[in-house]
Amino acid sequence: MPLITPERYLGRGLGMWTFWLHRITGLLIAFYLLLHILVISTAVISTGNFDAAMTTLKAPIFILLEMGLVATILVHGLNGIRILLFDLGYGVKKQKEILIAFAVIGIVPFVWAFAVALPHIVK
């Protein structure tokens, strides 16, 4: 049987969903880092450009996008820890329960971050 088959990457199980979620969140974080470098590099060009960029980024829509970034980092980081646990042999037979536990753990810092950001969103 070949190692690369459509069934292997188009599965419907929980493991396949987390596989793709981990890759997508990784790409989103990489895209954010590129944008972050681009914005920070405006400070090299001139402080006026940087100040204008920072003023634009204080708009509520960008704060909501930052909340998406927080969620993306939490999902990617916690799923990475989950994968590490499985690689070390812990909890392999309880993948669903561990995923739920990590989701609950991730909700706490997200709610805190949202509470901190909310006053800036509803100015």
PDB file of N, CA and C in Angstrom:
ATOM      1  N   MET A   1       0.850  -1.189   0.000  1.00  0.00           N
ATOM      2  CA  MET A   1       0.000   0.000   0.000  1.00  0.00           C
ATOM      3  C   MET A   1       0.891   1.246   0.000  1.00  0.00           C
ATOM      4  N   PRO A   2       0.609   2.194  -0.889  1.00  0.00           N
ATOM      5  CA  PRO A   2       1.423   3.416  -0.934  1.00  0.00           C
ATOM      6  C   PRO A   2       1.250   4.252   0.337  1.00  0.00           C
ATOM      7  N   LEU A   3       2.298   4.980   0.682  1.00  0.00           N
ATOM      8  CA  LEU A   3       2.245   5.828   1.873  1.00  0.00           C
ATOM      9  C   LEU A   3       1.338   7.032   1.692  1.00  0.00           C
ATOM     10  N   ILE A   4       1.259   7.546   0.472  1.00  0.00           N
ATOM     11  CA  ILE A   4       0.443   8.735   0.214  1.00  0.00           C
ATOM     12  C   ILE A   4      -0.801   8.311  -0.549  1.00  0.00           C
ATOM     13  N   THR A   5      -1.927   8.380   0.132  1.00  0.00           N
ATOM     14  CA  THR A   5      -3.210   8.058  -0.497  1.00  0.00           C
ATOM     15  C   THR A   5      -4.194   9.162  -0.150  1.00  0.00           C
ATOM     16  N   PRO A   6      -5.201   9.388  -1.001  1.00  0.00           N
ATOM     17  CA  PRO A   6      -6.194  10.423  -0.679  1.00  0.00           C
ATOM     18  C   PRO A   6      -6.905  10.154   0.642  1.00  0.00           C
ATOM     19  N   GLU A   7      -7.146   8.888   0.953  1.00  0.00           N
ATOM     20  CA  GLU A   7      -7.860   8.563   2.186  1.00  0.00           C
ATOM     21  C   GLU A   7      -7.076   8.999   3.423  1.00  0.00           C
ATOM     22  N   ARG A   8      -5.751   8.956   3.302  1.00  0.00           N
ATOM     23  CA  ARG A   8      -4.915   9.313   4.441  1.00  0.00           C
ATOM     24  C   ARG A   8      -5.066  10.786   4.812  1.00  0.00           C
ATOM     25  N   TYR A   9      -5.240  11.642   3.831  1.00  0.00           N
ATOM     26  CA  TYR A   9      -5.313  13.080   4.085  1.00  0.00           C
ATOM     27  C   TYR A   9      -6.720  13.645   4.000  1.00  0.00           C
ATOM     28  N   LEU A  10      -7.679  12.827   3.656  1.00  0.00           N
ATOM     29  CA  LEU A  10      -9.063  13.293   3.581  1.00  0.00           C
ATOM     30  C   LEU A  10      -9.945  12.547   4.566  1.00  0.00           C
ATOM     31  N   GLY A  11      -9.357  12.035   5.630  1.00  0.00           N
ATOM     32  CA  GLY A  11     -10.109  11.299   6.633  1.00  0.00           C
ATOM     33  C   GLY A  11     -11.118  12.183   7.342  1.00  0.00           C
ATOM     34  N   ARG A  12     -12.015  11.547   8.047  1.00  0.00           N
ATOM     35  CA  ARG A  12     -13.075  12.286   8.731  1.00  0.00           C
ATOM     36  C   ARG A  12     -12.941  12.237  10.255  1.00  0.00           C
ATOM     37  N   GLY A  13     -11.931  11.554  10.755  1.00  0.00           N
ATOM     38  CA  GLY A  13     -11.785  11.400  12.197  1.00  0.00           C
ATOM     39  C   GLY A  13     -11.290  12.663  12.880  1.00  0.00           C
ATOM     40  N   LEU A  14     -11.383  12.646  14.192  1.00  0.00           N
ATOM     41  CA  LEU A  14     -10.954  13.780  15.007  1.00  0.00           C
ATOM     42  C   LEU A  14      -9.467  14.078  14.811  1.00  0.00           C
ATOM     43  N   GLY A  15      -8.675  13.027  14.695  1.00  0.00           N
ATOM     44  CA  GLY A  15      -7.240  13.213  14.484  1.00  0.00           C
ATOM     45  C   GLY A  15      -6.935  13.961  13.200  1.00  0.00           C
ATOM     46  N   MET A  16      -7.718  13.685  12.146  1.00  0.00           N
ATOM     47  CA  MET A  16      -7.479  14.364  10.869  1.00  0.00           C
ATOM     48  C   MET A  16      -7.878  15.836  10.955  1.00  0.00           C
ATOM     49  N   TRP A  17      -8.970  16.117  11.668  1.00  0.00           N
ATOM     50  CA  TRP A  17      -9.379  17.515  11.833  1.00  0.00           C
ATOM     51  C   TRP A  17      -8.320  18.295  12.598  1.00  0.00           C
ATOM     52  N   THR A  18      -7.775  17.710  13.656  1.00  0.00           N
ATOM     53  CA  THR A  18      -6.741  18.418  14.414  1.00  0.00           C
ATOM     54  C   THR A  18      -5.450  18.528  13.604  1.00  0.00           C
ATOM     55  N   PHE A  19      -5.173  17.527  12.755  1.00  0.00           N
ATOM     56  CA  PHE A  19      -4.011  17.580  11.860  1.00  0.00           C
ATOM     57  C   PHE A  19      -4.096  18.817  10.976  1.00  0.00           C
ATOM     58  N   TRP A  20      -5.233  18.988  10.309  1.00  0.00           N
ATOM     59  CA  TRP A  20      -5.396  20.128   9.404  1.00  0.00           C
ATOM     60  C   TRP A  20      -5.490  21.441  10.164  1.00  0.00           C
ATOM     61  N   LEU A  21      -6.148  21.445  11.320  1.00  0.00           N
ATOM     62  CA  LEU A  21      -6.245  22.663  12.127  1.00  0.00           C
ATOM     63  C   LEU A  21      -4.854  23.134  12.553  1.00  0.00           C
ATOM     64  N   HIS A  22      -3.996  22.193  12.920  1.00  0.00           N
ATOM     65  CA  HIS A  22      -2.637  22.546  13.339  1.00  0.00           C
ATOM     66  C   HIS A  22      -1.856  23.168  12.183  1.00  0.00           C
ATOM     67  N   ARG A  23      -2.004  22.613  10.989  1.00  0.00           N
ATOM     68  CA  ARG A  23      -1.290  23.157   9.836  1.00  0.00           C
ATOM     69  C   ARG A  23      -1.827  24.526   9.436  1.00  0.00           C
ATOM     70  N   ILE A  24      -3.141  24.686   9.457  1.00  0.00           N
ATOM     71  CA  ILE A  24      -3.753  25.966   9.078  1.00  0.00           C
ATOM     72  C   ILE A  24      -3.372  27.057  10.079  1.00  0.00           C
ATOM     73  N   THR A  25      -3.433  26.748  11.375  1.00  0.00           N
ATOM     74  CA  THR A  25      -3.056  27.762  12.366  1.00  0.00           C
ATOM     75  C   THR A  25      -1.575  28.106  12.253  1.00  0.00           C
ATOM     76  N   GLY A  26      -0.748  27.134  11.923  1.00  0.00           N
ATOM     77  CA  GLY A  26       0.678  27.414  11.711  1.00  0.00           C
ATOM     78  C   GLY A  26       0.895  28.372  10.554  1.00  0.00           C
ATOM     79  N   LEU A  27       0.160  28.156   9.459  1.00  0.00           N
ATOM     80  CA  LEU A  27       0.264  29.063   8.310  1.00  0.00           C
ATOM     81  C   LEU A  27      -0.242  30.459   8.656  1.00  0.00           C
ATOM     82  N   LEU A  28      -1.330  30.536   9.422  1.00  0.00           N
ATOM     83  CA  LEU A  28      -1.856  31.845   9.829  1.00  0.00           C
ATOM     84  C   LEU A  28      -0.852  32.594  10.702  1.00  0.00           C
ATOM     85  N   ILE A  29      -0.197  31.888  11.601  1.00  0.00           N
ATOM     86  CA  ILE A  29       0.808  32.526  12.451  1.00  0.00           C
ATOM     87  C   ILE A  29       1.987  33.007  11.609  1.00  0.00           C
ATOM     88  N   ALA A  30       2.416  32.207  10.650  1.00  0.00           N
ATOM     89  CA  ALA A  30       3.516  32.616   9.764  1.00  0.00           C
ATOM     90  C   ALA A  30       3.119  33.850   8.954  1.00  0.00           C
ATOM     91  N   PHE A  31       1.874  33.886   8.458  1.00  0.00           N
ATOM     92  CA  PHE A  31       1.376  35.043   7.708  1.00  0.00           C
ATOM     93  C   PHE A  31       1.358  36.283   8.599  1.00  0.00           C
ATOM     94  N   TYR A  32       0.906  36.119   9.850  1.00  0.00           N
ATOM     95  CA  TYR A  32       0.903  37.239  10.782  1.00  0.00           C
ATOM     96  C   TYR A  32       2.324  37.757  11.008  1.00  0.00           C
ATOM     97  N   LEU A  33       3.274  36.849  11.182  1.00  0.00           N
ATOM     98  CA  LEU A  33       4.655  37.280  11.416  1.00  0.00           C
ATOM     99  C   LEU A  33       5.193  38.091  10.245  1.00  0.00           C
ATOM    100  N   LEU A  34       4.848  37.696   9.026  1.00  0.00           N
ATOM    101  CA  LEU A  34       5.269  38.477   7.862  1.00  0.00           C
ATOM    102  C   LEU A  34       4.661  39.881   7.892  1.00  0.00           C
ATOM    103  N   LEU A  35       3.365  39.959   8.208  1.00  0.00           N
ATOM    104  CA  LEU A  35       2.718  41.274   8.307  1.00  0.00           C
ATOM    105  C   LEU A  35       3.325  42.096   9.440  1.00  0.00           C
ATOM    106  N   HIS A  36       3.614  41.442  10.550  1.00  0.00           N
ATOM    107  CA  HIS A  36       4.204  42.124  11.699  1.00  0.00           C
ATOM    108  C   HIS A  36       5.565  42.724  11.327  1.00  0.00           C
ATOM    109  N   ILE A  37       6.379  41.952  10.642  1.00  0.00           N
ATOM    110  CA  ILE A  37       7.689  42.451  10.197  1.00  0.00           C
ATOM    111  C   ILE A  37       7.510  43.623   9.240  1.00  0.00           C
ATOM    112  N   LEU A  38       6.537  43.536   8.362  1.00  0.00           N
ATOM    113  CA  LEU A  38       6.266  44.618   7.415  1.00  0.00           C
ATOM    114  C   LEU A  38       5.891  45.905   8.152  1.00  0.00           C
ATOM    115  N   VAL A  39       5.004  45.804   9.133  1.00  0.00           N
ATOM    116  CA  VAL A  39       4.575  46.992   9.878  1.00  0.00           C
ATOM    117  C   VAL A  39       5.731  47.558  10.696  1.00  0.00           C
ATOM    118  N   ILE A  40       6.472  46.707  11.366  1.00  0.00           N
ATOM    119  CA  ILE A  40       7.600  47.184  12.170  1.00  0.00           C
ATOM    120  C   ILE A  40       8.662  47.831  11.288  1.00  0.00           C
ATOM    121  N   SER A  41       8.826  47.320  10.073  1.00  0.00           N
ATOM    122  CA  SER A  41       9.839  47.897   9.178  1.00  0.00           C
ATOM    123  C   SER A  41       9.475  49.310   8.736  1.00  0.00           C
ATOM    124  N   THR A  42       8.213  49.718   8.889  1.00  0.00           N
ATOM    125  CA  THR A  42       7.857  51.097   8.544  1.00  0.00           C
ATOM    126  C   THR A  42       8.551  52.089   9.477  1.00  0.00           C
ATOM    127  N   ALA A  43       8.944  51.635  10.667  1.00  0.00           N
ATOM    128  CA  ALA A  43       9.668  52.517  11.592  1.00  0.00           C
ATOM    129  C   ALA A  43      11.048  52.859  11.041  1.00  0.00           C
ATOM    130  N   VAL A  44      11.624  51.972  10.252  1.00  0.00           N
ATOM    131  CA  VAL A  44      12.937  52.228   9.657  1.00  0.00           C
ATOM    132  C   VAL A  44      12.818  53.302   8.587  1.00  0.00           C
ATOM    133  N   ILE A  45      11.708  53.278   7.849  1.00  0.00           N
ATOM    134  CA  ILE A  45      11.499  54.244   6.771  1.00  0.00           C
ATOM    135  C   ILE A  45      11.318  55.642   7.359  1.00  0.00           C
ATOM    136  N   SER A  46      10.361  55.752   8.274  1.00  0.00           N
ATOM    137  CA  SER A  46      10.173  57.027   8.974  1.00  0.00           C
ATOM    138  C   SER A  46       9.240  56.803  10.151  1.00  0.00           C
ATOM    139  N   THR A  47       9.431  57.609  11.180  1.00  0.00           N
ATOM    140  CA  THR A  47       8.569  57.474  12.353  1.00  0.00           C
ATOM    141  C   THR A  47       7.147  57.901  12.039  1.00  0.00           C
ATOM    142  N   GLY A  48       6.979  58.798  11.090  1.00  0.00           N
ATOM    143  CA  GLY A  48       5.636  59.224  10.697  1.00  0.00           C
ATOM    144  C   GLY A  48       4.841  58.077  10.098  1.00  0.00           C
ATOM    145  N   ASN A  49       5.478  57.290   9.242  1.00  0.00           N
ATOM    146  CA  ASN A  49       4.804  56.125   8.662  1.00  0.00           C
ATOM    147  C   ASN A  49       4.433  55.112   9.738  1.00  0.00           C
ATOM    148  N   PHE A  50       5.346  54.903  10.674  1.00  0.00           N
ATOM    149  CA  PHE A  50       5.090  53.954  11.752  1.00  0.00           C
ATOM    150  C   PHE A  50       3.935  54.432  12.620  1.00  0.00           C
ATOM    151  N   ASP A  51       3.935  55.725  12.965  1.00  0.00           N
ATOM    152  CA  ASP A  51       2.849  56.278  13.777  1.00  0.00           C
ATOM    153  C   ASP A  51       1.513  56.158  13.061  1.00  0.00           C
ATOM    154  N   ALA A  52       1.501  56.391  11.758  1.00  0.00           N
ATOM    155  CA  ALA A  52       0.265  56.250  10.981  1.00  0.00           C
ATOM    156  C   ALA A  52      -0.206  54.799  10.981  1.00  0.00           C
ATOM    157  N   ALA A  53       0.730  53.875  10.845  1.00  0.00           N
ATOM    158  CA  ALA A  53       0.370  52.456  10.867  1.00  0.00           C
ATOM    159  C   ALA A  53      -0.197  52.071  12.231  1.00  0.00           C
ATOM    160  N   MET A  54       0.411  52.553  13.304  1.00  0.00           N
ATOM    161  CA  MET A  54      -0.069  52.232  14.648  1.00  0.00           C
ATOM    162  C   MET A  54      -1.455  52.828  14.897  1.00  0.00           C
ATOM    163  N   THR A  55      -1.699  54.020  14.379  1.00  0.00           N
ATOM    164  CA  THR A  55      -3.021  54.630  14.514  1.00  0.00           C
ATOM    165  C   THR A  55      -4.067  53.791  13.793  1.00  0.00           C
ATOM    166  N   THR A  56      -3.739  53.332  12.610  1.00  0.00           N
ATOM    167  CA  THR A  56      -4.660  52.481  11.849  1.00  0.00           C
ATOM    168  C   THR A  56      -4.933  51.182  12.591  1.00  0.00           C
ATOM    169  N   LEU A  57      -3.911  50.610  13.192  1.00  0.00           N
ATOM    170  CA  LEU A  57      -4.050  49.313  13.857  1.00  0.00           C
ATOM    171  C   LEU A  57      -4.804  49.395  15.182  1.00  0.00           C
ATOM    172  N   LYS A  58      -5.129  50.602  15.637  1.00  0.00           N
ATOM    173  CA  LYS A  58      -5.924  50.748  16.857  1.00  0.00           C
ATOM    174  C   LYS A  58      -7.422  50.702  16.577  1.00  0.00           C
ATOM    175  N   ALA A  59      -7.803  50.577  15.311  1.00  0.00           N
ATOM    176  CA  ALA A  59      -9.220  50.493  14.943  1.00  0.00           C
ATOM    177  C   ALA A  59      -9.817  49.198  15.501  1.00  0.00           C
ATOM    178  N   PRO A  60     -11.101  49.231  15.873  1.00  0.00           N
ATOM    179  CA  PRO A  60     -11.739  48.042  16.455  1.00  0.00           C
ATOM    180  C   PRO A  60     -11.620  46.775  15.601  1.00  0.00           C
ATOM    181  N   ILE A  61     -11.657  46.899  14.289  1.00  0.00           N
ATOM    182  CA  ILE A  61     -11.566  45.707  13.444  1.00  0.00           C
ATOM    183  C   ILE A  61     -10.217  45.017  13.629  1.00  0.00           C
ATOM    184  N   PHE A  62      -9.147  45.797  13.805  1.00  0.00           N
ATOM    185  CA  PHE A  62      -7.828  45.200  13.996  1.00  0.00           C
ATOM    186  C   PHE A  62      -7.700  44.578  15.383  1.00  0.00           C
ATOM    187  N   ILE A  63      -8.404  45.150  16.355  1.00  0.00           N
ATOM    188  CA  ILE A  63      -8.401  44.544  17.689  1.00  0.00           C
ATOM    189  C   ILE A  63      -9.132  43.203  17.641  1.00  0.00           C
ATOM    190  N   LEU A  64     -10.213  43.135  16.878  1.00  0.00           N
ATOM    191  CA  LEU A  64     -10.897  41.847  16.695  1.00  0.00           C
ATOM    192  C   LEU A  64      -9.991  40.844  15.983  1.00  0.00           C
ATOM    193  N   LEU A  65      -9.240  41.313  15.004  1.00  0.00           N
ATOM    194  CA  LEU A  65      -8.291  40.429  14.323  1.00  0.00           C
ATOM    195  C   LEU A  65      -7.208  39.944  15.289  1.00  0.00           C
ATOM    196  N   GLU A  66      -6.808  40.813  16.219  1.00  0.00           N
ATOM    197  CA  GLU A  66      -5.842  40.385  17.229  1.00  0.00           C
ATOM    198  C   GLU A  66      -6.434  39.313  18.133  1.00  0.00           C
ATOM    199  N   MET A  67      -7.733  39.395  18.395  1.00  0.00           N
ATOM    200  CA  MET A  67      -8.385  38.337  19.172  1.00  0.00           C
ATOM    201  C   MET A  67      -8.349  37.023  18.394  1.00  0.00           C
ATOM    202  N   GLY A  68      -8.509  37.113  17.084  1.00  0.00           N
ATOM    203  CA  GLY A  68      -8.359  35.917  16.253  1.00  0.00           C
ATOM    204  C   GLY A  68      -6.944  35.374  16.328  1.00  0.00           C
ATOM    205  N   LEU A  69      -5.970  36.279  16.397  1.00  0.00           N
ATOM    206  CA  LEU A  69      -4.575  35.863  16.540  1.00  0.00           C
ATOM    207  C   LEU A  69      -4.355  35.154  17.876  1.00  0.00           C
ATOM    208  N   VAL A  70      -4.942  35.698  18.943  1.00  0.00           N
ATOM    209  CA  VAL A  70      -4.829  35.057  20.258  1.00  0.00           C
ATOM    210  C   VAL A  70      -5.411  33.646  20.199  1.00  0.00           C
ATOM    211  N   ALA A  71      -6.590  33.517  19.596  1.00  0.00           N
ATOM    212  CA  ALA A  71      -7.218  32.197  19.474  1.00  0.00           C
ATOM    213  C   ALA A  71      -6.351  31.257  18.644  1.00  0.00           C
ATOM    214  N   THR A  72      -5.795  31.763  17.556  1.00  0.00           N
ATOM    215  CA  THR A  72      -4.949  30.945  16.685  1.00  0.00           C
ATOM    216  C   THR A  72      -3.712  30.453  17.426  1.00  0.00           C
ATOM    217  N   ILE A  73      -3.071  31.339  18.176  1.00  0.00           N
ATOM    218  CA  ILE A  73      -1.872  30.949  18.922  1.00  0.00           C
ATOM    219  C   ILE A  73      -2.215  29.943  20.017  1.00  0.00           C
ATOM    220  N   LEU A  74      -3.341  30.159  20.699  1.00  0.00           N
ATOM    221  CA  LEU A  74      -3.751  29.204  21.733  1.00  0.00           C
ATOM    222  C   LEU A  74      -4.028  27.830  21.139  1.00  0.00           C
ATOM    223  N   VAL A  75      -4.776  27.793  20.050  1.00  0.00           N
ATOM    224  CA  VAL A  75      -5.098  26.512  19.412  1.00  0.00           C
ATOM    225  C   VAL A  75      -3.821  25.815  18.963  1.00  0.00           C
ATOM    226  N   HIS A  76      -2.958  26.547  18.287  1.00  0.00           N
ATOM    227  CA  HIS A  76      -1.734  25.951  17.755  1.00  0.00           C
ATOM    228  C   HIS A  76      -0.811  25.482  18.891  1.00  0.00           C
ATOM    229  N   GLY A  77      -0.651  26.315  19.892  1.00  0.00           N
ATOM    230  CA  GLY A  77       0.231  25.964  21.002  1.00  0.00           C
ATOM    231  C   GLY A  77      -0.273  24.785  21.813  1.00  0.00           C
ATOM    232  N   LEU A  78      -1.552  24.816  22.172  1.00  0.00           N
ATOM    233  CA  LEU A  78      -2.106  23.719  22.963  1.00  0.00           C
ATOM    234  C   LEU A  78      -2.147  22.420  22.165  1.00  0.00           C
ATOM    235  N   ASN A  79      -2.457  22.514  20.879  1.00  0.00           N
ATOM    236  CA  ASN A  79      -2.446  21.305  20.060  1.00  0.00           C
ATOM    237  C   ASN A  79      -1.019  20.776  19.914  1.00  0.00           C
ATOM    238  N   GLY A  80      -0.050  21.660  19.847  1.00  0.00           N
ATOM    239  CA  GLY A  80       1.344  21.224  19.801  1.00  0.00           C
ATOM    240  C   GLY A  80       1.743  20.475  21.064  1.00  0.00           C
ATOM    241  N   ILE A  81       1.293  20.961  22.217  1.00  0.00           N
ATOM    242  CA  ILE A  81       1.558  20.260  23.480  1.00  0.00           C
ATOM    243  C   ILE A  81       0.858  18.904  23.480  1.00  0.00           C
ATOM    244  N   ARG A  82      -0.370  18.864  22.974  1.00  0.00           N
ATOM    245  CA  ARG A  82      -1.127  17.607  22.882  1.00  0.00           C
ATOM    246  C   ARG A  82      -0.381  16.600  22.008  1.00  0.00           C
ATOM    247  N   ILE A  83       0.127  17.054  20.876  1.00  0.00           N
ATOM    248  CA  ILE A  83       0.885  16.178  19.978  1.00  0.00           C
ATOM    249  C   ILE A  83       2.156  15.688  20.674  1.00  0.00           C
ATOM    250  N   LEU A  84       2.829  16.573  21.397  1.00  0.00           N
ATOM    251  CA  LEU A  84       4.036  16.189  22.126  1.00  0.00           C
ATOM    252  C   LEU A  84       3.729  15.098  23.149  1.00  0.00           C
ATOM    253  N   LEU A  85       2.618  15.251  23.869  1.00  0.00           N
ATOM    254  CA  LEU A  85       2.224  14.219  24.833  1.00  0.00           C
ATOM    255  C   LEU A  85       2.023  12.873  24.144  1.00  0.00           C
ATOM    256  N   PHE A  86       1.360  12.896  23.001  1.00  0.00           N
ATOM    257  CA  PHE A  86       1.133  11.644  22.268  1.00  0.00           C
ATOM    258  C   PHE A  86       2.451  11.057  21.779  1.00  0.00           C
ATOM    259  N   ASP A  87       3.354  11.899  21.306  1.00  0.00           N
ATOM    260  CA  ASP A  87       4.656  11.417  20.839  1.00  0.00           C
ATOM    261  C   ASP A  87       5.458  10.778  21.973  1.00  0.00           C
ATOM    262  N   LEU A  88       5.246  11.273  23.188  1.00  0.00           N
ATOM    263  CA  LEU A  88       5.928  10.698  24.349  1.00  0.00           C
ATOM    264  C   LEU A  88       5.196   9.480  24.901  1.00  0.00           C
ATOM    265  N   GLY A  89       4.043   9.172  24.313  1.00  0.00           N
ATOM    266  CA  GLY A  89       3.304   7.972  24.705  1.00  0.00           C
ATOM    267  C   GLY A  89       2.239   8.185  25.758  1.00  0.00           C
ATOM    268  N   TYR A  90       1.932   9.436  26.088  1.00  0.00           N
ATOM    269  CA  TYR A  90       0.914   9.717  27.099  1.00  0.00           C
ATOM    270  C   TYR A  90      -0.431   9.995  26.444  1.00  0.00           C
ATOM    271  N   GLY A  91      -1.469   9.338  26.900  1.00  0.00           N
ATOM    272  CA  GLY A  91      -2.830   9.652  26.487  1.00  0.00           C
ATOM    273  C   GLY A  91      -3.214   9.280  25.076  1.00  0.00           C
ATOM    274  N   VAL A  92      -2.462   8.409  24.439  1.00  0.00           N
ATOM    275  CA  VAL A  92      -2.762   8.054  23.048  1.00  0.00           C
ATOM    276  C   VAL A  92      -4.148   7.431  22.932  1.00  0.00           C
ATOM    277  N   LYS A  93      -4.559   6.692  23.942  1.00  0.00           N
ATOM    278  CA  LYS A  93      -5.863   6.015  23.894  1.00  0.00           C
ATOM    279  C   LYS A  93      -7.003   6.915  24.353  1.00  0.00           C
ATOM    280  N   LYS A  94      -6.690   8.123  24.779  1.00  0.00           N
ATOM    281  CA  LYS A  94      -7.720   9.061  25.246  1.00  0.00           C
ATOM    282  C   LYS A  94      -7.606  10.387  24.506  1.00  0.00           C
ATOM    283  N   GLN A  95      -7.459  10.318  23.196  1.00  0.00           N
ATOM    284  CA  GLN A  95      -7.247  11.527  22.401  1.00  0.00           C
ATOM    285  C   GLN A  95      -8.420  12.495  22.493  1.00  0.00           C
ATOM    286  N   LYS A  96      -9.635  11.989  22.427  1.00  0.00           N
ATOM    287  CA  LYS A  96     -10.807  12.870  22.454  1.00  0.00           C
ATOM    288  C   LYS A  96     -10.904  13.596  23.796  1.00  0.00           C
ATOM    289  N   GLU A  97     -10.695  12.882  24.883  1.00  0.00           N
ATOM    290  CA  GLU A  97     -10.783  13.491  26.209  1.00  0.00           C
ATOM    291  C   GLU A  97      -9.698  14.554  26.400  1.00  0.00           C
ATOM    292  N   ILE A  98      -8.502  14.258  25.917  1.00  0.00           N
ATOM    293  CA  ILE A  98      -7.408  15.224  26.043  1.00  0.00           C
ATOM    294  C   ILE A  98      -7.677  16.457  25.184  1.00  0.00           C
ATOM    295  N   LEU A  99      -8.229  16.264  24.001  1.00  0.00           N
ATOM    296  CA  LEU A  99      -8.578  17.404  23.150  1.00  0.00           C
ATOM    297  C   LEU A  99      -9.606  18.294  23.839  1.00  0.00           C
ATOM    298  N   ILE A 100     -10.614  17.691  24.443  1.00  0.00           N
ATOM    299  CA  ILE A 100     -11.638  18.465  25.155  1.00  0.00           C
ATOM    300  C   ILE A 100     -11.013  19.202  26.341  1.00  0.00           C
ATOM    301  N   ALA A 101     -10.149  18.529  27.088  1.00  0.00           N
ATOM    302  CA  ALA A 101      -9.493  19.166  28.236  1.00  0.00           C
ATOM    303  C   ALA A 101      -8.654  20.362  27.794  1.00  0.00           C
ATOM    304  N   PHE A 102      -7.904  20.202  26.709  1.00  0.00           N
ATOM    305  CA  PHE A 102      -7.082  21.306  26.220  1.00  0.00           C
ATOM    306  C   PHE A 102      -7.954  22.445  25.688  1.00  0.00           C
ATOM    307  N   ALA A 103      -9.091  22.123  25.098  1.00  0.00           N
ATOM    308  CA  ALA A 103     -10.005  23.169  24.626  1.00  0.00           C
ATOM    309  C   ALA A 103     -10.527  23.979  25.810  1.00  0.00           C
ATOM    310  N   VAL A 104     -10.880  23.299  26.883  1.00  0.00           N
ATOM    311  CA  VAL A 104     -11.360  23.993  28.083  1.00  0.00           C
ATOM    312  C   VAL A 104     -10.241  24.844  28.680  1.00  0.00           C
ATOM    313  N   ILE A 105      -9.028  24.292  28.725  1.00  0.00           N
ATOM    314  CA  ILE A 105      -7.880  25.050  29.238  1.00  0.00           C
ATOM    315  C   ILE A 105      -7.642  26.299  28.382  1.00  0.00           C
ATOM    316  N   GLY A 106      -7.808  26.191  27.076  1.00  0.00           N
ATOM    317  CA  GLY A 106      -7.581  27.316  26.174  1.00  0.00           C
ATOM    318  C   GLY A 106      -8.629  28.406  26.276  1.00  0.00           C
ATOM    319  N   ILE A 107      -9.818  28.054  26.725  1.00  0.00           N
ATOM    320  CA  ILE A 107     -10.897  29.042  26.832  1.00  0.00           C
ATOM    321  C   ILE A 107     -10.570  30.092  27.892  1.00  0.00           C
ATOM    322  N   VAL A 108      -9.932  29.684  28.972  1.00  0.00           N
ATOM    323  CA  VAL A 108      -9.650  30.610  30.081  1.00  0.00           C
ATOM    324  C   VAL A 108      -8.785  31.795  29.636  1.00  0.00           C
ATOM    325  N   PRO A 109      -7.614  31.584  29.034  1.00  0.00           N
ATOM    326  CA  PRO A 109      -6.836  32.755  28.607  1.00  0.00           C
ATOM    327  C   PRO A 109      -7.504  33.538  27.483  1.00  0.00           C
ATOM    328  N   PHE A 110      -8.296  32.857  26.635  1.00  0.00           N
ATOM    329  CA  PHE A 110      -8.981  33.586  25.566  1.00  0.00           C
ATOM    330  C   PHE A 110     -10.031  34.524  26.151  1.00  0.00           C
ATOM    331  N   VAL A 111     -10.799  34.055  27.122  1.00  0.00           N
ATOM    332  CA  VAL A 111     -11.812  34.909  27.755  1.00  0.00           C
ATOM    333  C   VAL A 111     -11.136  36.080  28.460  1.00  0.00           C
ATOM    334  N   TRP A 112     -10.011  35.832  29.125  1.00  0.00           N
ATOM    335  CA  TRP A 112      -9.279  36.914  29.780  1.00  0.00           C
ATOM    336  C   TRP A 112      -8.812  37.942  28.749  1.00  0.00           C
ATOM    337  N   ALA A 113      -8.224  37.474  27.649  1.00  0.00           N
ATOM    338  CA  ALA A 113      -7.742  38.389  26.605  1.00  0.00           C
ATOM    339  C   ALA A 113      -8.898  39.169  25.994  1.00  0.00           C
ATOM    340  N   PHE A 114     -10.028  38.511  25.796  1.00  0.00           N
ATOM    341  CA  PHE A 114     -11.192  39.194  25.238  1.00  0.00           C
ATOM    342  C   PHE A 114     -11.699  40.257  26.206  1.00  0.00           C
ATOM    343  N   ALA A 115     -11.703  39.952  27.501  1.00  0.00           N
ATOM    344  CA  ALA A 115     -12.144  40.931  28.500  1.00  0.00           C
ATOM    345  C   ALA A 115     -11.223  42.148  28.516  1.00  0.00           C
ATOM    346  N   VAL A 116      -9.936  41.927  28.323  1.00  0.00           N
ATOM    347  CA  VAL A 116      -8.985  43.040  28.275  1.00  0.00           C
ATOM    348  C   VAL A 116      -9.193  43.864  27.006  1.00  0.00           C
ATOM    349  N   ALA A 117      -9.476  43.211  25.886  1.00  0.00           N
ATOM    350  CA  ALA A 117      -9.611  43.903  24.599  1.00  0.00           C
ATOM    351  C   ALA A 117     -10.974  44.554  24.412  1.00  0.00           C
ATOM    352  N   LEU A 118     -11.994  44.061  25.092  1.00  0.00           N
ATOM    353  CA  LEU A 118     -13.362  44.547  24.868  1.00  0.00           C
ATOM    354  C   LEU A 118     -13.520  46.055  25.020  1.00  0.00           C
ATOM    355  N   PRO A 119     -12.951  46.692  26.041  1.00  0.00           N
ATOM    356  CA  PRO A 119     -13.099  48.153  26.132  1.00  0.00           C
ATOM    357  C   PRO A 119     -12.524  48.895  24.923  1.00  0.00           C
ATOM    358  N   HIS A 120     -11.514  48.335  24.287  1.00  0.00           N
ATOM    359  CA  HIS A 120     -10.907  48.979  23.118  1.00  0.00           C
ATOM    360  C   HIS A 120     -11.734  48.743  21.855  1.00  0.00           C
ATOM    361  N   ILE A 121     -12.552  47.694  21.868  1.00  0.00           N
ATOM    362  CA  ILE A 121     -13.385  47.379  20.704  1.00  0.00           C
ATOM    363  C   ILE A 121     -14.626  48.256  20.679  1.00  0.00           C
ATOM    364  N   VAL A 122     -15.232  48.472  21.844  1.00  0.00           N
ATOM    365  CA  VAL A 122     -16.500  49.210  21.918  1.00  0.00           C
ATOM    366  C   VAL A 122     -16.293  50.631  22.423  1.00  0.00           C
ATOM    367  N   LYS A 123     -15.365  51.338  21.828  1.00  0.00           N
ATOM    368  CA  LYS A 123     -15.104  52.735  22.216  1.00  0.00           C
ATOM    369  C   LYS A 123     -16.302  53.595  21.909  1.00  0.00           C
TER     370      LYS A 123
END
